[in-house]
Amino acid sequence: MLEEFITDLFMQCVYILQVIGGSPNEFGFGYYLANILIFVVLQPSLIVLFLGLWLRERRIQRASKS
């Protein structure tokens, strides 16, 4: 039951990547480009952004306590 759910969820995610890449049901150039944009550019950028926001907020909180 759980294995089937995970497999279905994975296949839906793959299909979404294929649609974003412009070639549904194919693993073409667009699919690879969508993977690169999401997992090499977007995700690390969000991690760095949230790290910066967290550090900024931490610095502000420390300054207000002094």
N, C-alpha and C. Protein backbone atom coordinates (compact mmCIF):
# COMPACT_ATOMS: atom_id res chain seq x y z
N MET A 1 0.83 -1.19 0.00
CA MET A 1 0.00 0.00 0.00
C MET A 1 0.88 1.25 0.00
N LEU A 2 1.81 1.39 0.96
CA LEU A 2 2.69 2.55 1.02
C LEU A 2 3.62 2.57 -0.18
N GLU A 3 4.11 1.39 -0.57
CA GLU A 3 5.01 1.32 -1.72
C GLU A 3 4.30 1.79 -2.99
N GLU A 4 3.05 1.41 -3.14
CA GLU A 4 2.27 1.83 -4.31
C GLU A 4 2.05 3.35 -4.30
N PHE A 5 1.76 3.90 -3.12
CA PHE A 5 1.57 5.35 -3.00
C PHE A 5 2.85 6.10 -3.38
N ILE A 6 3.98 5.63 -2.87
CA ILE A 6 5.26 6.28 -3.15
C ILE A 6 5.58 6.20 -4.64
N THR A 7 5.34 5.04 -5.22
CA THR A 7 5.59 4.88 -6.66
C THR A 7 4.69 5.80 -7.48
N ASP A 8 3.42 5.88 -7.13
CA ASP A 8 2.49 6.77 -7.85
C ASP A 8 2.90 8.23 -7.70
N LEU A 9 3.28 8.62 -6.49
CA LEU A 9 3.71 10.00 -6.25
C LEU A 9 4.96 10.32 -7.07
N PHE A 10 5.92 9.39 -7.08
CA PHE A 10 7.14 9.58 -7.87
C PHE A 10 6.81 9.73 -9.35
N MET A 11 5.95 8.88 -9.87
CA MET A 11 5.62 8.94 -11.29
C MET A 11 4.88 10.24 -11.63
N GLN A 12 4.07 10.73 -10.72
CA GLN A 12 3.41 12.02 -10.94
C GLN A 12 4.42 13.16 -10.98
N CYS A 13 5.41 13.09 -10.09
CA CYS A 13 6.47 14.11 -10.08
C CYS A 13 7.28 14.06 -11.37
N VAL A 14 7.59 12.87 -11.85
CA VAL A 14 8.32 12.72 -13.11
C VAL A 14 7.50 13.30 -14.25
N TYR A 15 6.21 13.04 -14.27
CA TYR A 15 5.35 13.57 -15.32
C TYR A 15 5.34 15.10 -15.28
N ILE A 16 5.27 15.68 -14.08
CA ILE A 16 5.28 17.15 -13.96
C ILE A 16 6.59 17.71 -14.51
N LEU A 17 7.71 17.05 -14.20
CA LEU A 17 9.00 17.50 -14.75
C LEU A 17 8.99 17.40 -16.27
N GLN A 18 8.39 16.35 -16.80
CA GLN A 18 8.33 16.19 -18.25
C GLN A 18 7.46 17.28 -18.88
N VAL A 19 6.37 17.64 -18.22
CA VAL A 19 5.51 18.71 -18.73
C VAL A 19 6.25 20.04 -18.69
N ILE A 20 6.94 20.32 -17.58
CA ILE A 20 7.73 21.55 -17.47
C ILE A 20 8.78 21.59 -18.57
N GLY A 21 9.39 20.45 -18.84
CA GLY A 21 10.42 20.36 -19.86
C GLY A 21 9.87 20.43 -21.28
N GLY A 22 8.56 20.32 -21.44
CA GLY A 22 7.95 20.48 -22.75
C GLY A 22 7.78 19.19 -23.54
N SER A 23 8.06 18.03 -22.96
CA SER A 23 7.91 16.77 -23.70
C SER A 23 7.25 15.72 -22.81
N PRO A 24 5.95 15.79 -22.60
CA PRO A 24 5.30 14.79 -21.76
C PRO A 24 5.55 13.38 -22.28
N ASN A 25 5.80 12.47 -21.36
CA ASN A 25 6.06 11.05 -21.63
C ASN A 25 7.36 10.82 -22.37
N GLU A 26 8.26 11.78 -22.35
CA GLU A 26 9.58 11.61 -22.97
C GLU A 26 10.65 12.15 -22.02
N PHE A 27 11.80 11.53 -22.07
CA PHE A 27 12.95 12.03 -21.31
C PHE A 27 13.88 12.74 -22.28
N GLY A 28 13.46 13.90 -22.71
CA GLY A 28 14.24 14.64 -23.69
C GLY A 28 15.03 15.75 -23.05
N PHE A 29 15.52 16.62 -23.89
CA PHE A 29 16.34 17.75 -23.45
C PHE A 29 15.58 18.62 -22.45
N GLY A 30 14.31 18.85 -22.69
CA GLY A 30 13.51 19.70 -21.80
C GLY A 30 13.39 19.13 -20.40
N TYR A 31 13.27 17.81 -20.32
CA TYR A 31 13.19 17.15 -19.01
C TYR A 31 14.48 17.36 -18.23
N TYR A 32 15.59 17.19 -18.90
CA TYR A 32 16.89 17.38 -18.26
C TYR A 32 17.08 18.84 -17.85
N LEU A 33 16.65 19.74 -18.71
CA LEU A 33 16.75 21.16 -18.40
C LEU A 33 15.89 21.51 -17.18
N ALA A 34 14.69 20.94 -17.10
CA ALA A 34 13.82 21.19 -15.94
C ALA A 34 14.48 20.68 -14.67
N ASN A 35 15.09 19.51 -14.72
CA ASN A 35 15.80 18.97 -13.56
C ASN A 35 16.94 19.89 -13.13
N ILE A 36 17.70 20.37 -14.09
CA ILE A 36 18.82 21.26 -13.77
C ILE A 36 18.32 22.54 -13.14
N LEU A 37 17.28 23.13 -13.72
CA LEU A 37 16.76 24.38 -13.17
C LEU A 37 16.24 24.21 -11.76
N ILE A 38 15.55 23.11 -11.50
CA ILE A 38 14.95 22.91 -10.18
C ILE A 38 15.99 22.51 -9.15
N PHE A 39 16.81 21.50 -9.47
CA PHE A 39 17.66 20.90 -8.44
C PHE A 39 19.08 21.48 -8.39
N VAL A 40 19.50 22.20 -9.42
CA VAL A 40 20.84 22.78 -9.41
C VAL A 40 20.78 24.29 -9.20
N VAL A 41 19.72 24.93 -9.67
CA VAL A 41 19.62 26.38 -9.56
C VAL A 41 18.62 26.80 -8.48
N LEU A 42 17.38 26.38 -8.61
CA LEU A 42 16.31 26.87 -7.73
C LEU A 42 16.48 26.41 -6.28
N GLN A 43 16.65 25.12 -6.06
CA GLN A 43 16.75 24.61 -4.69
C GLN A 43 17.94 25.20 -3.93
N PRO A 44 19.17 25.17 -4.48
CA PRO A 44 20.28 25.79 -3.75
C PRO A 44 20.08 27.30 -3.52
N SER A 45 19.48 27.97 -4.49
CA SER A 45 19.21 29.41 -4.33
C SER A 45 18.27 29.66 -3.16
N LEU A 46 17.24 28.84 -3.04
CA LEU A 46 16.31 28.99 -1.93
C LEU A 46 16.99 28.69 -0.60
N ILE A 47 17.85 27.69 -0.57
CA ILE A 47 18.57 27.37 0.65
C ILE A 47 19.44 28.55 1.08
N VAL A 48 20.17 29.13 0.14
CA VAL A 48 21.03 30.28 0.46
C VAL A 48 20.18 31.47 0.89
N LEU A 49 19.07 31.71 0.22
CA LEU A 49 18.17 32.80 0.58
C LEU A 49 17.66 32.64 2.01
N PHE A 50 17.14 31.46 2.34
CA PHE A 50 16.60 31.25 3.67
C PHE A 50 17.68 31.27 4.74
N LEU A 51 18.87 30.81 4.42
CA LEU A 51 19.98 30.91 5.36
C LEU A 51 20.30 32.37 5.64
N GLY A 52 20.36 33.18 4.59
CA GLY A 52 20.62 34.61 4.75
C GLY A 52 19.54 35.30 5.57
N LEU A 53 18.29 34.97 5.29
CA LEU A 53 17.20 35.57 6.06
C LEU A 53 17.25 35.16 7.53
N TRP A 54 17.57 33.89 7.77
CA TRP A 54 17.66 33.40 9.15
C TRP A 54 18.81 34.08 9.89
N LEU A 55 19.97 34.20 9.24
CA LEU A 55 21.12 34.86 9.87
C LEU A 55 20.81 36.33 10.16
N ARG A 56 20.14 36.98 9.21
CA ARG A 56 19.76 38.38 9.40
C ARG A 56 18.82 38.54 10.59
N GLU A 57 17.83 37.67 10.67
CA GLU A 57 16.87 37.73 11.78
C GLU A 57 17.57 37.44 13.11
N ARG A 58 18.47 36.50 13.11
CA ARG A 58 19.22 36.17 14.32
C ARG A 58 20.05 37.37 14.79
N ARG A 59 20.68 38.04 13.82
CA ARG A 59 21.48 39.23 14.15
C ARG A 59 20.59 40.34 14.71
N ILE A 60 19.42 40.53 14.13
CA ILE A 60 18.49 41.56 14.60
C ILE A 60 18.02 41.22 16.01
N GLN A 61 17.71 39.95 16.26
CA GLN A 61 17.25 39.54 17.59
C GLN A 61 18.33 39.74 18.65
N ARG A 62 19.57 39.44 18.29
CA ARG A 62 20.67 39.63 19.24
C ARG A 62 20.89 41.12 19.52
N ALA A 63 20.75 41.96 18.51
CA ALA A 63 20.94 43.40 18.68
C ALA A 63 19.85 43.99 19.56
N SER A 64 18.63 43.48 19.45
CA SER A 64 17.52 44.03 20.23
C SER A 64 17.60 43.59 21.70
N LYS A 65 18.29 42.49 21.98
CA LYS A 65 18.44 42.03 23.37
C LYS A 65 19.52 42.82 24.11
N SER A 66 20.43 43.41 23.37
CA SER A 66 21.56 44.15 24.01
C SER A 66 21.13 45.50 24.51
